[in-house]
C-alpha atoms as a PDB file:
ATOM      1  CA  MET A   1      21.808 -24.752  15.715  1.00  0.00           C
ATOM      2  CA  THR A   2      21.740 -21.076  14.805  1.00  0.00           C
ATOM      3  CA  GLU A   3      19.134 -18.836  16.320  1.00  0.00           C
ATOM      4  CA  SER A   4      16.588 -17.499  13.861  1.00  0.00           C
ATOM      5  CA  LYS A   5      15.695 -13.821  13.952  1.00  0.00           C
ATOM      6  CA  ARG A   6      12.030 -14.794  13.727  1.00  0.00           C
ATOM      7  CA  GLN A   7      10.175 -14.621  16.972  1.00  0.00           C
ATOM      8  CA  ASN A   8       6.617 -15.427  17.846  1.00  0.00           C
ATOM      9  CA  TYR A   9       4.572 -12.322  18.470  1.00  0.00           C
ATOM     10  CA  SER A  10       1.079 -11.034  18.115  1.00  0.00           C
ATOM     11  CA  ILE A  11      -0.115  -7.563  17.125  1.00  0.00           C
ATOM     12  CA  ASN A  12      -3.578  -6.086  17.207  1.00  0.00           C
ATOM     13  CA  PRO A  13      -3.525  -3.718  14.196  1.00  0.00           C
ATOM     14  CA  ASP A  14      -6.140  -1.538  15.925  1.00  0.00           C
ATOM     15  CA  ASP A  15      -3.419  -0.660  18.465  1.00  0.00           C
ATOM     16  CA  LEU A  16      -1.080   0.638  15.730  1.00  0.00           C
ATOM     17  CA  PRO A  17      -1.327   4.127  14.239  1.00  0.00           C
ATOM     18  CA  TRP A  18      -1.811   4.783  10.528  1.00  0.00           C
ATOM     19  CA  GLU A  19       1.480   6.358   9.449  1.00  0.00           C
ATOM     20  CA  PRO A  20       1.968   8.417   6.277  1.00  0.00           C
ATOM     21  CA  TRP A  21       3.225   5.909   3.747  1.00  0.00           C
ATOM     22  CA  HIS A  22       6.071   8.068   2.469  1.00  0.00           C
ATOM     23  CA  LEU A  23       7.910   7.227   5.717  1.00  0.00           C
ATOM     24  CA  HIS A  24       8.306   3.605   4.532  1.00  0.00           C
ATOM     25  CA  ILE A  25       7.695   3.500   0.752  1.00  0.00           C
ATOM     26  CA  LYS A  26      10.323   4.987  -1.585  1.00  0.00           C
ATOM     27  CA  GLY A  27       8.977   7.600  -4.020  1.00  0.00           C
ATOM     28  CA  ALA A  28       5.626   7.965  -2.234  1.00  0.00           C
ATOM     29  CA  PRO A  29       4.627  11.626  -1.943  1.00  0.00           C
ATOM     30  CA  PRO A  30       3.712  13.053   1.452  1.00  0.00           C
ATOM     31  CA  ASN A  31      -0.070  13.199   1.779  1.00  0.00           C
ATOM     32  CA  ASP A  32      -0.012  17.009   1.882  1.00  0.00           C
ATOM     33  CA  ALA A  33       1.845  17.125  -1.461  1.00  0.00           C
ATOM     34  CA  ILE A  34      -0.153  14.770  -3.700  1.00  0.00           C
ATOM     35  CA  PRO A  35      -0.423  16.136  -7.257  1.00  0.00           C
ATOM     36  CA  ASN A  36      -3.877  17.459  -8.239  1.00  0.00           C
ATOM     37  CA  ALA A  37      -5.203  17.058  -4.687  1.00  0.00           C
ATOM     38  CA  PRO A  38      -8.094  19.415  -3.880  1.00  0.00           C
ATOM     39  CA  GLU A  39      -8.282  21.576  -0.779  1.00  0.00           C
ATOM     40  CA  TRP A  40      -9.991  19.316   1.710  1.00  0.00           C
ATOM     41  CA  ASP A  41      -9.764  19.045   5.485  1.00  0.00           C
ATOM     42  CA  GLY A  42     -10.275  15.280   5.636  1.00  0.00           C
ATOM     43  CA  GLU A  43      -7.735  12.489   5.659  1.00  0.00           C
ATOM     44  CA  PHE A  44      -6.696  11.249   2.239  1.00  0.00           C
ATOM     45  CA  GLY A  45      -3.642   9.732   0.565  1.00  0.00           C
ATOM     46  CA  GLY A  46      -1.495   6.721   1.373  1.00  0.00           C
ATOM     47  CA  TRP A  47      -1.153   5.236   4.856  1.00  0.00           C
ATOM     48  CA  VAL A  48       0.511   2.173   6.392  1.00  0.00           C
ATOM     49  CA  LYS A  49       0.455   0.166   9.577  1.00  0.00           C
ATOM     50  CA  VAL A  50       3.808  -1.608   9.970  1.00  0.00           C
ATOM     51  CA  LEU A  51       3.209  -5.199  11.061  1.00  0.00           C
ATOM     52  CA  SER A  52       6.691  -6.626  10.493  1.00  0.00           C
ATOM     53  CA  THR A  53      10.119  -5.297   9.495  1.00  0.00           C
ATOM     54  CA  PRO A  54      13.233  -7.084   8.226  1.00  0.00           C
ATOM     55  CA  GLU A  55      14.593  -6.951  11.783  1.00  0.00           C
ATOM     56  CA  ASN A  56      11.837  -9.213  13.128  1.00  0.00           C
ATOM     57  CA  GLY A  57      10.952 -11.296  10.090  1.00  0.00           C
ATOM     58  CA  ASP A  58      11.634 -11.798   6.411  1.00  0.00           C
ATOM     59  CA  GLY A  59      10.970  -8.523   4.637  1.00  0.00           C
ATOM     60  CA  TRP A  60       8.196  -6.037   5.333  1.00  0.00           C
ATOM     61  CA  THR A  61       4.535  -6.625   6.146  1.00  0.00           C
ATOM     62  CA  PHE A  62       2.052  -3.752   6.084  1.00  0.00           C
ATOM     63  CA  LEU A  63      -1.555  -2.852   6.057  1.00  0.00           C
ATOM     64  CA  ILE A  64      -1.592  -0.327   3.193  1.00  0.00           C
ATOM     65  CA  ARG A  65      -4.513   2.080   2.892  1.00  0.00           C
ATOM     66  CA  HIS A  66      -5.377   4.505   0.093  1.00  0.00           C
ATOM     67  CA  VAL A  67      -8.087   7.098   0.699  1.00  0.00           C
ATOM     68  CA  PRO A  68      -9.158   9.302  -2.241  1.00  0.00           C
ATOM     69  CA  PRO A  69     -10.868  12.642  -1.605  1.00  0.00           C
ATOM     70  CA  PRO A  70     -14.684  12.443  -1.945  1.00  0.00           C
ATOM     71  CA  GLY A  71     -15.786  12.153  -5.578  1.00  0.00           C
ATOM     72  CA  LYS A  72     -12.204  11.661  -6.803  1.00  0.00           C
ATOM     73  CA  GLY A  73      -9.821   8.779  -7.401  1.00  0.00           C
ATOM     74  CA  ILE A  74      -6.168   8.129  -6.703  1.00  0.00           C
ATOM     75  CA  ARG A  75      -4.147   6.829  -9.656  1.00  0.00           C
ATOM     76  CA  TYR A  76      -0.835   5.229  -8.828  1.00  0.00           C
ATOM     77  CA  SER A  77       1.894   3.078 -10.272  1.00  0.00           C
ATOM     78  CA  GLY A  78       5.175   1.732  -9.085  1.00  0.00           C
ATOM     79  CA  ILE A  79       7.653  -1.062  -9.447  1.00  0.00           C
ATOM     80  CA  SER A  80       7.928  -4.031  -7.143  1.00  0.00           C
ATOM     81  CA  ARG A  81      11.425  -4.105  -5.643  1.00  0.00           C
ATOM     82  CA  SER A  82      10.929  -7.633  -4.264  1.00  0.00           C
ATOM     83  CA  ARG A  83       8.337 -10.366  -4.479  1.00  0.00           C
ATOM     84  CA  GLU A  84       4.995  -9.050  -3.229  1.00  0.00           C
ATOM     85  CA  GLN A  85       1.917 -10.808  -1.917  1.00  0.00           C
ATOM     86  CA  SER A  86      -1.254  -8.886  -1.136  1.00  0.00           C
ATOM     87  CA  TYR A  87      -4.767  -9.617   0.039  1.00  0.00           C
ATOM     88  CA  CYS A  88      -7.552  -7.061  -0.399  1.00  0.00           C
ATOM     89  CA  LEU A  89      -9.400  -6.407   2.874  1.00  0.00           C
ATOM     90  CA  ILE A  90     -11.475  -3.319   1.982  1.00  0.00           C
ATOM     91  CA  GLY A  91     -12.471  -1.690  -1.324  1.00  0.00           C
ATOM     92  CA  ALA A  92     -11.445  -2.264  -4.931  1.00  0.00           C
ATOM     93  CA  ARG A  93      -8.927  -0.947  -7.434  1.00  0.00           C
ATOM     94  CA  PHE A  94      -9.259  -0.714 -11.189  1.00  0.00           C
ATOM     95  CA  ALA A  95      -7.080  -0.504 -14.321  1.00  0.00           C
ATOM     96  CA  SER A  96      -7.220   2.603 -16.527  1.00  0.00           C
ATOM     97  CA  ASP A  97      -9.686   0.799 -18.826  1.00  0.00           C
ATOM     98  CA  GLY A  98     -12.052   0.251 -15.868  1.00  0.00           C
ATOM     99  CA  GLN A  99     -11.259  -3.433 -15.503  1.00  0.00           C
ATOM    100  CA  ARG A 100     -11.168  -4.659 -11.914  1.00  0.00           C
ATOM    101  CA  ILE A 101      -7.663  -5.474 -10.645  1.00  0.00           C
ATOM    102  CA  SER A 102      -8.428  -6.232  -7.023  1.00  0.00           C
ATOM    103  CA  LEU A 103     -11.604  -6.627  -4.969  1.00  0.00           C
ATOM    104  CA  VAL A 104     -12.243  -7.651  -1.365  1.00  0.00           C
ATOM    105  CA  GLY A 105     -11.011 -11.209  -0.922  1.00  0.00           C
ATOM    106  CA  ASP A 106      -8.643 -11.172  -3.908  1.00  0.00           C
ATOM    107  CA  TYR A 107      -5.045 -12.376  -3.491  1.00  0.00           C
ATOM    108  CA  ASN A 108      -2.314 -10.997  -5.765  1.00  0.00           C
ATOM    109  CA  PHE A 109       1.301 -12.091  -6.248  1.00  0.00           C
ATOM    110  CA  LYS A 110       3.912 -10.044  -8.092  1.00  0.00           C
ATOM    111  CA  GLN A 111       7.494 -10.951  -8.930  1.00  0.00           C
ATOM    112  CA  ALA A 112      10.258  -8.412  -8.334  1.00  0.00           C
ATOM    113  CA  ASP A 113      10.764  -5.685 -10.950  1.00  0.00           C
ATOM    114  CA  ILE A 114       7.137  -5.685 -12.168  1.00  0.00           C
ATOM    115  CA  VAL A 115       5.540  -2.321 -12.988  1.00  0.00           C
ATOM    116  CA  HIS A 116       1.989  -2.214 -11.667  1.00  0.00           C
ATOM    117  CA  GLY A 117      -0.682   0.216 -10.547  1.00  0.00           C
ATOM    118  CA  GLY A 118      -4.322   1.123 -10.686  1.00  0.00           C
ATOM    119  CA  THR A 119      -6.932   3.591  -9.537  1.00  0.00           C
ATOM    120  CA  ALA A 120      -8.704   3.599  -6.187  1.00  0.00           C
ATOM    121  CA  ARG A 121     -12.091   5.355  -6.271  1.00  0.00           C
ATOM    122  CA  GLU A 122     -12.952   4.428  -2.695  1.00  0.00           C
ATOM    123  CA  GLU A 123     -10.982   3.628   0.429  1.00  0.00           C
ATOM    124  CA  ILE A 124      -8.953   0.472  -0.104  1.00  0.00           C
ATOM    125  CA  VAL A 125      -6.909  -1.548   2.395  1.00  0.00           C
ATOM    126  CA  HIS A 126      -4.544  -4.379   1.512  1.00  0.00           C
ATOM    127  CA  PHE A 127      -2.531  -6.721   3.706  1.00  0.00           C
ATOM    128  CA  VAL A 128       0.830  -6.727   1.889  1.00  0.00           C
ATOM    129  CA  HIS A 129       4.024  -8.706   2.428  1.00  0.00           C
ATOM    130  CA  PHE A 130       7.268  -7.897   0.602  1.00  0.00           C
ATOM    131  CA  ASP A 131      10.045 -10.475   0.918  1.00  0.00           C
ATOM    132  CA  GLY A 132      12.588  -7.650   0.564  1.00  0.00           C
ATOM    133  CA  ASP A 133      12.256  -3.946  -0.133  1.00  0.00           C
ATOM    134  CA  PRO A 134       8.774  -2.445  -0.571  1.00  0.00           C
ATOM    135  CA  ASP A 135       7.562  -1.035  -3.883  1.00  0.00           C
ATOM    136  CA  GLU A 136       8.993   2.158  -5.333  1.00  0.00           C
ATOM    137  CA  VAL A 137       6.225   4.590  -6.301  1.00  0.00           C
ATOM    138  CA  SER A 138       6.569   6.398  -9.639  1.00  0.00           C
ATOM    139  CA  LEU A 139       3.093   7.997  -9.924  1.00  0.00           C
ATOM    140  CA  TYR A 140       0.531   8.981  -7.293  1.00  0.00           C
ATOM    141  CA  GLU A 141      -2.056  11.609  -8.132  1.00  0.00           C
ATOM    142  CA  VAL A 142      -5.674  12.576  -7.587  1.00  0.00           C
ATOM    143  CA  VAL A 143      -7.896  12.150 -10.684  1.00  0.00           C
ATOM    144  CA  ASP A 144     -11.549  12.957 -11.510  1.00  0.00           C
END
């Protein structure tokens, strides 16, 4: 019997720091270089908490957080580089026509190589699992 690389473990996400998402997501801009971002001293942009990596599981698992500046939105798009499953924990995101894409309690599944995106007008947090590489970001900007 071969030994699996999976191990049982438990993590309290409150014990993990929010890391700038560009450290783990290809194409994601650093939070201090987001296009159209206003001068503001608060925390905004993309953040992750790494829950699992390919070394200790199958793929990547994150808490992913987007925080727009007050009164603004963050528009983003990217391509899924592997199958992706996500569950919305906080907030909502919308399509460019205003149609809701994801709301608290919604589960989403995307196949690999699917272009997707939306606009966050409030803080949003998703639990996301990628069975391989994470998304590759192609657009991430602050909008009115």
